[in-house]
C-alpha atoms as a PDB file:
ATOM      1  CA  UNK A   1     -49.983  64.787 -44.365  1.00  0.00           C
ATOM      2  CA  UNK A   2     -47.681  63.099 -46.849  1.00  0.00           C
ATOM      3  CA  UNK A   3     -44.962  65.705 -46.211  1.00  0.00           C
ATOM      4  CA  UNK A   4     -45.010  64.945 -42.481  1.00  0.00           C
ATOM      5  CA  UNK A   5     -44.688  61.214 -43.150  1.00  0.00           C
ATOM      6  CA  UNK A   6     -41.645  61.816 -45.341  1.00  0.00           C
ATOM      7  CA  UNK A   7     -40.068  64.149 -42.786  1.00  0.00           C
ATOM      8  CA  UNK A   8     -40.644  61.695 -39.943  1.00  0.00           C
ATOM      9  CA  UNK A   9     -39.049  58.937 -42.026  1.00  0.00           C
ATOM     10  CA  UNK A  10     -36.113  61.256 -42.673  1.00  0.00           C
ATOM     11  CA  UNK A  11     -35.735  61.950 -38.953  1.00  0.00           C
ATOM     12  CA  UNK A  12     -35.642  58.207 -38.240  1.00  0.00           C
ATOM     13  CA  UNK A  13     -32.761  57.842 -40.686  1.00  0.00           C
ATOM     14  CA  UNK A  14     -30.865  60.748 -39.116  1.00  0.00           C
ATOM     15  CA  UNK A  15     -31.675  59.928 -35.471  1.00  0.00           C
ATOM     16  CA  UNK A  16     -28.499  57.840 -35.029  1.00  0.00           C
ATOM     17  CA  UNK A  17     -26.333  60.972 -35.132  1.00  0.00           C
ATOM     18  CA  UNK A  18     -24.232  59.638 -38.041  1.00  0.00           C
ATOM     19  CA  UNK A  19     -23.559  61.320 -41.388  1.00  0.00           C
ATOM     20  CA  UNK A  20     -25.879  60.403 -44.242  1.00  0.00           C
ATOM     21  CA  UNK A  21     -25.392  61.621 -47.773  1.00  0.00           C
ATOM     22  CA  UNK A  22     -28.226  63.400 -49.520  1.00  0.00           C
ATOM     23  CA  UNK A  23     -28.071  60.784 -52.264  1.00  0.00           C
ATOM     24  CA  UNK A  24     -28.420  57.879 -49.805  1.00  0.00           C
ATOM     25  CA  UNK A  25     -31.259  59.603 -47.959  1.00  0.00           C
ATOM     26  CA  UNK A  26     -33.027  60.293 -51.236  1.00  0.00           C
ATOM     27  CA  UNK A  27     -32.699  56.675 -52.348  1.00  0.00           C
ATOM     28  CA  UNK A  28     -34.070  55.418 -49.027  1.00  0.00           C
ATOM     29  CA  UNK A  29     -37.113  57.684 -49.237  1.00  0.00           C
ATOM     30  CA  UNK A  30     -37.618  57.604 -52.991  1.00  0.00           C
ATOM     31  CA  UNK A  31     -37.149  61.344 -53.485  1.00  0.00           C
ATOM     32  CA  UNK A  32     -34.514  63.624 -55.007  1.00  0.00           C
ATOM     33  CA  UNK A  33     -31.532  65.167 -53.242  1.00  0.00           C
ATOM     34  CA  UNK A  34     -33.054  68.617 -53.748  1.00  0.00           C
ATOM     35  CA  UNK A  35     -36.229  67.401 -52.002  1.00  0.00           C
ATOM     36  CA  UNK A  36     -34.085  66.131 -49.134  1.00  0.00           C
ATOM     37  CA  UNK A  37     -32.509  69.588 -48.849  1.00  0.00           C
ATOM     38  CA  UNK A  38     -35.944  71.229 -48.661  1.00  0.00           C
ATOM     39  CA  UNK A  39     -37.124  68.803 -45.978  1.00  0.00           C
ATOM     40  CA  UNK A  40     -33.952  69.404 -43.966  1.00  0.00           C
ATOM     41  CA  UNK A  41     -34.744  73.120 -43.868  1.00  0.00           C
ATOM     42  CA  UNK A  42     -38.202  72.362 -42.445  1.00  0.00           C
ATOM     43  CA  UNK A  43     -36.710  70.048 -39.821  1.00  0.00           C
ATOM     44  CA  UNK A  44     -34.388  72.835 -38.767  1.00  0.00           C
ATOM     45  CA  UNK A  45     -37.437  75.080 -38.325  1.00  0.00           C
ATOM     46  CA  UNK A  46     -38.901  72.347 -36.108  1.00  0.00           C
ATOM     47  CA  UNK A  47     -35.911  72.795 -33.820  1.00  0.00           C
ATOM     48  CA  UNK A  48     -33.680  69.926 -34.891  1.00  0.00           C
ATOM     49  CA  UNK A  49     -29.986  70.825 -34.778  1.00  0.00           C
ATOM     50  CA  UNK A  50     -29.009  69.530 -38.217  1.00  0.00           C
ATOM     51  CA  UNK A  51     -25.943  70.453 -40.224  1.00  0.00           C
ATOM     52  CA  UNK A  52     -24.259  69.477 -43.478  1.00  0.00           C
ATOM     53  CA  UNK A  53     -20.602  68.939 -44.346  1.00  0.00           C
ATOM     54  CA  UNK A  54     -19.565  68.853 -47.977  1.00  0.00           C
ATOM     55  CA  UNK A  55     -18.593  65.323 -48.987  1.00  0.00           C
ATOM     56  CA  UNK A  56     -20.024  63.713 -45.846  1.00  0.00           C
ATOM     57  CA  UNK A  57     -23.685  64.652 -45.890  1.00  0.00           C
ATOM     58  CA  UNK A  58     -26.215  65.552 -43.225  1.00  0.00           C
ATOM     59  CA  UNK A  59     -25.920  64.890 -39.510  1.00  0.00           C
ATOM     60  CA  UNK A  60     -27.935  65.640 -36.399  1.00  0.00           C
ATOM     61  CA  UNK A  61     -25.760  67.068 -33.629  1.00  0.00           C
ATOM     62  CA  UNK A  62     -27.048  64.736 -30.902  1.00  0.00           C
ATOM     63  CA  UNK A  63     -28.640  61.313 -31.472  1.00  0.00           C
ATOM     64  CA  UNK A  64     -32.368  61.224 -30.707  1.00  0.00           C
ATOM     65  CA  UNK A  65     -34.315  58.448 -29.040  1.00  0.00           C
ATOM     66  CA  UNK A  66     -37.702  58.703 -30.722  1.00  0.00           C
ATOM     67  CA  UNK A  67     -40.800  57.943 -28.675  1.00  0.00           C
ATOM     68  CA  UNK A  68     -42.280  54.484 -29.194  1.00  0.00           C
ATOM     69  CA  UNK A  69     -45.686  53.402 -27.860  1.00  0.00           C
ATOM     70  CA  UNK A  70     -44.723  49.717 -27.744  1.00  0.00           C
ATOM     71  CA  UNK A  71     -41.651  50.466 -25.630  1.00  0.00           C
ATOM     72  CA  UNK A  72     -43.665  52.645 -23.268  1.00  0.00           C
ATOM     73  CA  UNK A  73     -46.525  50.141 -22.927  1.00  0.00           C
ATOM     74  CA  UNK A  74     -44.042  47.383 -22.139  1.00  0.00           C
ATOM     75  CA  UNK A  75     -43.217  49.342 -18.972  1.00  0.00           C
ATOM     76  CA  UNK A  76     -46.556  50.772 -17.844  1.00  0.00           C
ATOM     77  CA  UNK A  77     -50.269  50.022 -18.122  1.00  0.00           C
ATOM     78  CA  UNK A  78     -52.242  52.780 -19.824  1.00  0.00           C
ATOM     79  CA  UNK A  79     -55.885  52.522 -20.952  1.00  0.00           C
ATOM     80  CA  UNK A  80     -55.165  54.510 -24.114  1.00  0.00           C
ATOM     81  CA  UNK A  81     -51.830  55.834 -25.345  1.00  0.00           C
ATOM     82  CA  UNK A  82     -51.593  57.890 -28.514  1.00  0.00           C
ATOM     83  CA  UNK A  83     -48.360  59.147 -29.995  1.00  0.00           C
ATOM     84  CA  UNK A  84     -48.970  61.902 -32.528  1.00  0.00           C
ATOM     85  CA  UNK A  85     -45.503  63.076 -33.593  1.00  0.00           C
ATOM     86  CA  UNK A  86     -46.638  66.398 -35.091  1.00  0.00           C
ATOM     87  CA  UNK A  87     -49.545  68.051 -33.305  1.00  0.00           C
ATOM     88  CA  UNK A  88     -50.880  71.500 -32.489  1.00  0.00           C
ATOM     89  CA  UNK A  89     -51.254  70.813 -28.763  1.00  0.00           C
ATOM     90  CA  UNK A  90     -51.474  67.568 -26.789  1.00  0.00           C
ATOM     91  CA  UNK A  91     -53.776  69.269 -24.290  1.00  0.00           C
ATOM     92  CA  UNK A  92     -56.137  70.516 -26.969  1.00  0.00           C
ATOM     93  CA  UNK A  93     -56.209  67.107 -28.635  1.00  0.00           C
ATOM     94  CA  UNK A  94     -57.563  65.522 -25.446  1.00  0.00           C
ATOM     95  CA  UNK A  95     -59.887  68.432 -24.651  1.00  0.00           C
ATOM     96  CA  UNK A  96     -61.530  67.966 -28.055  1.00  0.00           C
ATOM     97  CA  UNK A  97     -62.181  64.284 -27.286  1.00  0.00           C
ATOM     98  CA  UNK A  98     -62.862  64.098 -23.548  1.00  0.00           C
ATOM     99  CA  UNK A  99     -66.281  62.482 -24.017  1.00  0.00           C
ATOM    100  CA  UNK A 100     -64.670  59.579 -25.875  1.00  0.00           C
ATOM    101  CA  UNK A 101     -61.658  58.957 -23.660  1.00  0.00           C
ATOM    102  CA  UNK A 102     -61.105  56.446 -20.872  1.00  0.00           C
ATOM    103  CA  UNK A 103     -59.842  57.840 -17.604  1.00  0.00           C
ATOM    104  CA  UNK A 104     -56.058  57.948 -17.744  1.00  0.00           C
ATOM    105  CA  UNK A 105     -55.777  58.300 -21.535  1.00  0.00           C
ATOM    106  CA  UNK A 106     -52.467  59.853 -22.612  1.00  0.00           C
ATOM    107  CA  UNK A 107     -51.333  61.811 -25.637  1.00  0.00           C
ATOM    108  CA  UNK A 108     -47.638  62.245 -26.465  1.00  0.00           C
ATOM    109  CA  UNK A 109     -45.974  64.289 -29.182  1.00  0.00           C
ATOM    110  CA  UNK A 110     -42.512  64.898 -30.578  1.00  0.00           C
ATOM    111  CA  UNK A 111     -43.317  68.424 -31.747  1.00  0.00           C
ATOM    112  CA  UNK A 112     -46.106  70.866 -30.891  1.00  0.00           C
ATOM    113  CA  UNK A 113     -46.933  73.527 -33.427  1.00  0.00           C
ATOM    114  CA  UNK A 114     -49.110  75.442 -30.967  1.00  0.00           C
ATOM    115  CA  UNK A 115     -48.020  74.270 -27.541  1.00  0.00           C
ATOM    116  CA  UNK A 116     -49.306  76.495 -24.788  1.00  0.00           C
ATOM    117  CA  UNK A 117     -48.505  77.268 -21.205  1.00  0.00           C
ATOM    118  CA  UNK A 118     -50.286  79.043 -18.403  1.00  0.00           C
ATOM    119  CA  UNK A 119     -52.458  82.083 -19.240  1.00  0.00           C
ATOM    120  CA  UNK A 120     -52.379  81.280 -22.948  1.00  0.00           C
ATOM    121  CA  UNK A 121     -48.640  81.744 -23.333  1.00  0.00           C
ATOM    122  CA  UNK A 122     -46.796  79.803 -26.006  1.00  0.00           C
ATOM    123  CA  UNK A 123     -44.862  76.744 -24.854  1.00  0.00           C
ATOM    124  CA  UNK A 124     -41.752  76.295 -26.977  1.00  0.00           C
ATOM    125  CA  UNK A 125     -41.848  72.734 -28.322  1.00  0.00           C
ATOM    126  CA  UNK A 126     -38.901  71.787 -30.579  1.00  0.00           C
ATOM    127  CA  UNK A 127     -38.882  68.301 -32.081  1.00  0.00           C
ATOM    128  CA  UNK A 128     -37.491  65.463 -29.990  1.00  0.00           C
ATOM    129  CA  UNK A 129     -35.651  67.654 -27.481  1.00  0.00           C
ATOM    130  CA  UNK A 130     -38.205  67.487 -24.696  1.00  0.00           C
ATOM    131  CA  UNK A 131     -41.250  65.555 -23.500  1.00  0.00           C
ATOM    132  CA  UNK A 132     -44.771  66.782 -24.239  1.00  0.00           C
ATOM    133  CA  UNK A 133     -47.343  64.691 -22.392  1.00  0.00           C
ATOM    134  CA  UNK A 134     -51.025  65.179 -21.562  1.00  0.00           C
ATOM    135  CA  UNK A 135     -53.351  62.930 -19.556  1.00  0.00           C
ATOM    136  CA  UNK A 136     -57.141  62.928 -19.310  1.00  0.00           C
ATOM    137  CA  UNK A 137     -58.689  62.387 -15.883  1.00  0.00           C
ATOM    138  CA  UNK A 138     -62.275  62.427 -14.640  1.00  0.00           C
ATOM    139  CA  UNK A 139     -62.959  63.653 -11.102  1.00  0.00           C
ATOM    140  CA  UNK A 140     -66.378  62.456 -10.034  1.00  0.00           C
ATOM    141  CA  UNK A 141     -66.258  64.748  -6.978  1.00  0.00           C
ATOM    142  CA  UNK A 142     -66.647  67.734  -9.312  1.00  0.00           C
ATOM    143  CA  UNK A 143     -64.789  70.873 -10.268  1.00  0.00           C
ATOM    144  CA  UNK A 144     -64.306  72.125  -6.716  1.00  0.00           C
ATOM    145  CA  UNK A 145     -62.324  68.978  -5.941  1.00  0.00           C
ATOM    146  CA  UNK A 146     -59.739  69.973  -8.559  1.00  0.00           C
ATOM    147  CA  UNK A 147     -58.472  72.886  -6.469  1.00  0.00           C
ATOM    148  CA  UNK A 148     -54.728  72.627  -6.125  1.00  0.00           C
ATOM    149  CA  UNK A 149     -54.367  69.815  -8.656  1.00  0.00           C
ATOM    150  CA  UNK A 150     -51.419  71.466 -10.419  1.00  0.00           C
ATOM    151  CA  UNK A 151     -49.550  71.374  -7.096  1.00  0.00           C
ATOM    152  CA  UNK A 152     -50.202  67.654  -6.728  1.00  0.00           C
ATOM    153  CA  UNK A 153     -49.053  66.990 -10.287  1.00  0.00           C
ATOM    154  CA  UNK A 154     -45.914  69.031  -9.622  1.00  0.00           C
ATOM    155  CA  UNK A 155     -45.103  66.893  -6.600  1.00  0.00           C
ATOM    156  CA  UNK A 156     -45.615  63.698  -8.618  1.00  0.00           C
ATOM    157  CA  UNK A 157     -43.339  64.804 -11.452  1.00  0.00           C
ATOM    158  CA  UNK A 158     -40.634  66.192  -9.178  1.00  0.00           C
ATOM    159  CA  UNK A 159     -40.503  63.057  -7.033  1.00  0.00           C
ATOM    160  CA  UNK A 160     -40.359  60.902 -10.165  1.00  0.00           C
ATOM    161  CA  UNK A 161     -37.454  62.887 -11.588  1.00  0.00           C
ATOM    162  CA  UNK A 162     -35.673  62.683  -8.242  1.00  0.00           C
ATOM    163  CA  UNK A 163     -36.062  58.905  -8.279  1.00  0.00           C
ATOM    164  CA  UNK A 164     -34.423  58.884 -11.730  1.00  0.00           C
ATOM    165  CA  UNK A 165     -31.346  60.723 -10.508  1.00  0.00           C
ATOM    166  CA  UNK A 166     -32.315  64.411 -10.654  1.00  0.00           C
ATOM    167  CA  UNK A 167     -32.004  64.864  -6.897  1.00  0.00           C
ATOM    168  CA  UNK A 168     -32.168  68.661  -6.878  1.00  0.00           C
ATOM    169  CA  UNK A 169     -35.406  69.111  -8.820  1.00  0.00           C
ATOM    170  CA  UNK A 170     -37.840  71.289  -6.893  1.00  0.00           C
ATOM    171  CA  UNK A 171     -41.385  72.624  -7.283  1.00  0.00           C
ATOM    172  CA  UNK A 172     -42.322  76.263  -7.739  1.00  0.00           C
ATOM    173  CA  UNK A 173     -45.806  77.491  -6.845  1.00  0.00           C
ATOM    174  CA  UNK A 174     -48.150  77.020  -8.529  1.00  0.00           C
ATOM    175  CA  UNK A 175     -47.202  74.955 -11.576  1.00  0.00           C
ATOM    176  CA  UNK A 176     -43.496  74.822 -12.426  1.00  0.00           C
ATOM    177  CA  UNK A 177     -40.522  72.589 -11.752  1.00  0.00           C
ATOM    178  CA  UNK A 178     -37.107  74.105 -11.112  1.00  0.00           C
ATOM    179  CA  UNK A 179     -33.523  72.979 -11.003  1.00  0.00           C
ATOM    180  CA  UNK A 180     -31.074  75.346  -9.359  1.00  0.00           C
ATOM    181  CA  UNK A 181     -33.457  78.290  -9.743  1.00  0.00           C
ATOM    182  CA  UNK A 182     -34.027  77.660 -13.442  1.00  0.00           C
ATOM    183  CA  UNK A 183     -37.247  76.457 -15.029  1.00  0.00           C
ATOM    184  CA  UNK A 184     -37.164  72.788 -15.992  1.00  0.00           C
ATOM    185  CA  UNK A 185     -40.837  71.997 -16.656  1.00  0.00           C
ATOM    186  CA  UNK A 186     -44.270  73.542 -16.723  1.00  0.00           C
ATOM    187  CA  UNK A 187     -47.694  72.125 -15.904  1.00  0.00           C
ATOM    188  CA  UNK A 188     -50.999  73.190 -17.420  1.00  0.00           C
ATOM    189  CA  UNK A 189     -54.253  71.795 -15.986  1.00  0.00           C
ATOM    190  CA  UNK A 190     -57.339  72.579 -18.064  1.00  0.00           C
ATOM    191  CA  UNK A 191     -60.830  71.684 -16.947  1.00  0.00           C
ATOM    192  CA  UNK A 192     -64.333  71.484 -18.294  1.00  0.00           C
ATOM    193  CA  UNK A 193     -67.588  70.453 -16.662  1.00  0.00           C
ATOM    194  CA  UNK A 194     -70.749  71.753 -15.048  1.00  0.00           C
ATOM    195  CA  UNK A 195     -71.603  72.504 -11.448  1.00  0.00           C
ATOM    196  CA  UNK A 196     -72.816  69.367  -9.702  1.00  0.00           C
ATOM    197  CA  UNK A 197     -71.322  67.115 -12.348  1.00  0.00           C
ATOM    198  CA  UNK A 198     -67.958  65.401 -12.776  1.00  0.00           C
ATOM    199  CA  UNK A 199     -64.931  67.466 -13.715  1.00  0.00           C
ATOM    200  CA  UNK A 200     -63.117  66.536 -16.911  1.00  0.00           C
ATOM    201  CA  UNK A 201     -59.448  67.403 -16.615  1.00  0.00           C
ATOM    202  CA  UNK A 202     -56.556  67.475 -19.039  1.00  0.00           C
ATOM    203  CA  UNK A 203     -53.193  67.596 -17.307  1.00  0.00           C
ATOM    204  CA  UNK A 204     -50.395  68.740 -19.574  1.00  0.00           C
ATOM    205  CA  UNK A 205     -46.677  68.766 -18.969  1.00  0.00           C
ATOM    206  CA  UNK A 206     -43.744  70.120 -20.933  1.00  0.00           C
ATOM    207  CA  UNK A 207     -40.363  68.903 -19.682  1.00  0.00           C
ATOM    208  CA  UNK A 208     -37.074  70.198 -21.074  1.00  0.00           C
ATOM    209  CA  UNK A 209     -34.754  67.242 -21.631  1.00  0.00           C
ATOM    210  CA  UNK A 210     -31.999  68.274 -24.013  1.00  0.00           C
ATOM    211  CA  UNK A 211     -33.189  71.440 -25.750  1.00  0.00           C
ATOM    212  CA  UNK A 212     -30.478  73.284 -27.723  1.00  0.00           C
ATOM    213  CA  UNK A 213     -29.537  76.728 -26.412  1.00  0.00           C
ATOM    214  CA  UNK A 214     -30.446  78.248 -29.772  1.00  0.00           C
ATOM    215  CA  UNK A 215     -34.030  77.022 -29.423  1.00  0.00           C
ATOM    216  CA  UNK A 216     -34.473  78.559 -25.991  1.00  0.00           C
ATOM    217  CA  UNK A 217     -33.041  81.967 -26.839  1.00  0.00           C
ATOM    218  CA  UNK A 218     -36.500  83.591 -26.885  1.00  0.00           C
ATOM    219  CA  UNK A 219     -37.595  82.253 -23.490  1.00  0.00           C
ATOM    220  CA  UNK A 220     -38.057  85.177 -21.129  1.00  0.00           C
ATOM    221  CA  UNK A 221     -36.631  83.527 -18.028  1.00  0.00           C
ATOM    222  CA  UNK A 222     -33.754  81.328 -16.939  1.00  0.00           C
ATOM    223  CA  UNK A 223     -34.324  77.720 -18.032  1.00  0.00           C
ATOM    224  CA  UNK A 224     -32.488  74.420 -17.956  1.00  0.00           C
ATOM    225  CA  UNK A 225     -32.585  70.827 -19.187  1.00  0.00           C
ATOM    226  CA  UNK A 226     -32.983  67.504 -17.425  1.00  0.00           C
ATOM    227  CA  UNK A 227     -29.604  66.594 -18.939  1.00  0.00           C
ATOM    228  CA  UNK A 228     -28.089  69.182 -16.586  1.00  0.00           C
ATOM    229  CA  UNK A 229     -29.989  67.913 -13.554  1.00  0.00           C
ATOM    230  CA  UNK A 230     -28.896  64.270 -13.544  1.00  0.00           C
ATOM    231  CA  UNK A 231     -25.599  62.483 -14.143  1.00  0.00           C
ATOM    232  CA  UNK A 232     -27.132  59.909 -16.484  1.00  0.00           C
ATOM    233  CA  UNK A 233     -30.072  60.994 -18.582  1.00  0.00           C
ATOM    234  CA  UNK A 234     -32.884  58.388 -18.553  1.00  0.00           C
ATOM    235  CA  UNK A 235     -34.149  57.090 -21.871  1.00  0.00           C
ATOM    236  CA  UNK A 236     -37.109  59.137 -23.101  1.00  0.00           C
ATOM    237  CA  UNK A 237     -39.418  56.125 -23.394  1.00  0.00           C
ATOM    238  CA  UNK A 238     -38.552  54.998 -19.884  1.00  0.00           C
ATOM    239  CA  UNK A 239     -39.044  58.546 -18.620  1.00  0.00           C
ATOM    240  CA  UNK A 240     -42.469  58.751 -20.267  1.00  0.00           C
ATOM    241  CA  UNK A 241     -43.498  55.405 -18.760  1.00  0.00           C
ATOM    242  CA  UNK A 242     -42.366  56.435 -15.277  1.00  0.00           C
ATOM    243  CA  UNK A 243     -44.231  59.734 -15.453  1.00  0.00           C
ATOM    244  CA  UNK A 244     -47.436  58.100 -16.703  1.00  0.00           C
ATOM    245  CA  UNK A 245     -47.269  55.551 -13.885  1.00  0.00           C
ATOM    246  CA  UNK A 246     -46.598  58.242 -11.290  1.00  0.00           C
ATOM    247  CA  UNK A 247     -49.441  60.468 -12.505  1.00  0.00           C
ATOM    248  CA  UNK A 248     -51.919  57.585 -12.460  1.00  0.00           C
ATOM    249  CA  UNK A 249     -51.008  56.573  -8.896  1.00  0.00           C
ATOM    250  CA  UNK A 250     -50.882  60.165  -7.662  1.00  0.00           C
ATOM    251  CA  UNK A 251     -54.292  61.067  -9.070  1.00  0.00           C
ATOM    252  CA  UNK A 252     -55.843  57.981  -7.481  1.00  0.00           C
ATOM    253  CA  UNK A 253     -54.314  58.986  -4.142  1.00  0.00           C
ATOM    254  CA  UNK A 254     -55.539  62.550  -4.628  1.00  0.00           C
ATOM    255  CA  UNK A 255     -59.100  61.292  -5.096  1.00  0.00           C
ATOM    256  CA  UNK A 256     -58.821  59.525  -1.741  1.00  0.00           C
ATOM    257  CA  UNK A 257     -57.018  62.079   0.445  1.00  0.00           C
ATOM    258  CA  UNK A 258     -57.296  65.399  -1.386  1.00  0.00           C
ATOM    259  CA  UNK A 259     -54.662  68.103  -1.186  1.00  0.00           C
ATOM    260  CA  UNK A 260     -54.168  67.485   2.550  1.00  0.00           C
ATOM    261  CA  UNK A 261     -52.094  64.423   1.766  1.00  0.00           C
ATOM    262  CA  UNK A 262     -49.634  66.423  -0.361  1.00  0.00           C
ATOM    263  CA  UNK A 263     -48.945  69.593   1.655  1.00  0.00           C
ATOM    264  CA  UNK A 264     -46.011  68.114   3.552  1.00  0.00           C
ATOM    265  CA  UNK A 265     -44.606  66.540   0.383  1.00  0.00           C
ATOM    266  CA  UNK A 266     -44.830  69.895  -1.423  1.00  0.00           C
ATOM    267  CA  UNK A 267     -43.172  71.840   1.381  1.00  0.00           C
ATOM    268  CA  UNK A 268     -40.339  69.308   1.489  1.00  0.00           C
ATOM    269  CA  UNK A 269     -39.342  70.105  -2.118  1.00  0.00           C
ATOM    270  CA  UNK A 270     -40.506  73.739  -2.407  1.00  0.00           C
ATOM    271  CA  UNK A 271     -37.814  75.667  -4.304  1.00  0.00           C
ATOM    272  CA  UNK A 272     -38.559  78.925  -2.482  1.00  0.00           C
ATOM    273  CA  UNK A 273     -39.440  77.676   0.996  1.00  0.00           C
ATOM    274  CA  UNK A 274     -38.127  80.116   3.638  1.00  0.00           C
ATOM    275  CA  UNK A 275     -36.585  82.304   0.937  1.00  0.00           C
ATOM    276  CA  UNK A 276     -37.373  85.948   0.100  1.00  0.00           C
ATOM    277  CA  UNK A 277     -39.724  86.256  -2.881  1.00  0.00           C
ATOM    278  CA  UNK A 278     -41.761  88.765  -4.816  1.00  0.00           C
ATOM    279  CA  UNK A 279     -45.422  88.088  -5.463  1.00  0.00           C
ATOM    280  CA  UNK A 280     -46.806  89.880  -8.513  1.00  0.00           C
ATOM    281  CA  UNK A 281     -50.539  90.531  -8.471  1.00  0.00           C
ATOM    282  CA  UNK A 282     -51.314  92.616 -11.531  1.00  0.00           C
ATOM    283  CA  UNK A 283     -49.254  95.800 -11.054  1.00  0.00           C
ATOM    284  CA  UNK A 284     -48.891  95.181  -7.340  1.00  0.00           C
ATOM    285  CA  UNK A 285     -45.684  93.709  -5.912  1.00  0.00           C
ATOM    286  CA  UNK A 286     -45.613  92.103  -2.478  1.00  0.00           C
ATOM    287  CA  UNK A 287     -42.290  91.107  -0.956  1.00  0.00           C
ATOM    288  CA  UNK A 288     -41.955  88.582   1.826  1.00  0.00           C
ATOM    289  CA  UNK A 289     -40.695  85.175   2.877  1.00  0.00           C
ATOM    290  CA  UNK A 290     -42.276  82.101   1.286  1.00  0.00           C
ATOM    291  CA  UNK A 291     -43.589  79.688   3.925  1.00  0.00           C
ATOM    292  CA  UNK A 292     -44.919  76.878   1.761  1.00  0.00           C
ATOM    293  CA  UNK A 293     -48.581  76.150   1.036  1.00  0.00           C
ATOM    294  CA  UNK A 294     -51.686  75.524   3.137  1.00  0.00           C
ATOM    295  CA  UNK A 295     -54.366  72.840   2.814  1.00  0.00           C
ATOM    296  CA  UNK A 296     -56.198  74.870   0.165  1.00  0.00           C
ATOM    297  CA  UNK A 297     -53.090  75.136  -2.015  1.00  0.00           C
ATOM    298  CA  UNK A 298     -52.573  78.814  -1.246  1.00  0.00           C
ATOM    299  CA  UNK A 299     -49.072  80.251  -1.126  1.00  0.00           C
ATOM    300  CA  UNK A 300     -48.186  81.362   2.392  1.00  0.00           C
ATOM    301  CA  UNK A 301     -46.266  84.626   2.384  1.00  0.00           C
ATOM    302  CA  UNK A 302     -44.808  86.192   5.519  1.00  0.00           C
ATOM    303  CA  UNK A 303     -44.623  89.985   5.526  1.00  0.00           C
ATOM    304  CA  UNK A 304     -44.537  92.625   8.252  1.00  0.00           C
ATOM    305  CA  UNK A 305     -48.278  92.022   8.617  1.00  0.00           C
ATOM    306  CA  UNK A 306     -47.782  88.328   9.385  1.00  0.00           C
ATOM    307  CA  UNK A 307     -48.401  85.211   7.296  1.00  0.00           C
ATOM    308  CA  UNK A 308     -51.139  85.525   4.685  1.00  0.00           C
ATOM    309  CA  UNK A 309     -52.423  83.053   2.046  1.00  0.00           C
ATOM    310  CA  UNK A 310     -52.549  83.929  -1.659  1.00  0.00           C
ATOM    311  CA  UNK A 311     -54.263  81.807  -4.286  1.00  0.00           C
ATOM    312  CA  UNK A 312     -55.373  81.881  -7.923  1.00  0.00           C
ATOM    313  CA  UNK A 313     -55.832  84.792 -10.232  1.00  0.00           C
ATOM    314  CA  UNK A 314     -53.047  86.663 -11.953  1.00  0.00           C
ATOM    315  CA  UNK A 315     -50.366  85.871  -9.395  1.00  0.00           C
ATOM    316  CA  UNK A 316     -46.731  85.266 -10.271  1.00  0.00           C
ATOM    317  CA  UNK A 317     -43.941  84.271  -7.924  1.00  0.00           C
ATOM    318  CA  UNK A 318     -40.375  85.460  -8.414  1.00  0.00           C
ATOM    319  CA  UNK A 319     -37.200  84.977  -6.423  1.00  0.00           C
ATOM    320  CA  UNK A 320     -35.587  88.105  -5.050  1.00  0.00           C
END
């Protein structure tokens, strides 16, 4: 859309965090100052923290490093990398094209208009604050071999973030990343295929990097940003490259060793290991001590009845 192209060009001008007058912005883009004002209002709806001071112009509160395919591909090999700044959902984009994609294809976005999380929930996706990344992968061993894949992806992302300085990032069963008991990232693995055939997987990740508090006010749980988890925030393009590289290597390893090769790694960084938790299964609440996962990816919960595995379905884990 022409409007999106103009708004993206406007964001590039404002990304430096400096003041720009409406007149100068209009001249650069070939539109009127009133048109600039209208576009600014849309950008604010996209989640950009923009403000205006009389006599100085418009400014974005924090400079933004926009994603750049060339910068990412200079750091990692990827068979197909698409950056679609404004998209409904990176996961859905790949799901709609899985028959045409090479294994390891990646879709990135700056803003998702219909980002989604587990069980069809909305995933809040303000422009440029976070990282929205999806990867296509084909598992020739079939759909059954994908059991526990979200756990494996969680391990890969957490270990990558730790290597970049976020030492206290942990995993939460079955598909979240936490920092100091607050949600940092979510993972959504979607799959299609037929019994006896290869499984086509889309692995999506939403990682909070520097999301304004105002944008996260409607989130129904405690959340945090990567900027809080590490002393020096990595550049977004470098972060994207590192995560793509880690996912590729991890999925290749997973094909070779299965979930068995990741159980110890998961338990080492399990946010709730040996802590009291509540397991919500529909209206039922089970309290116990989390004891990690087993080789099938099930959560091990110790209650008065002993240690029992729980897996799949409508199960939610909460700290006590």
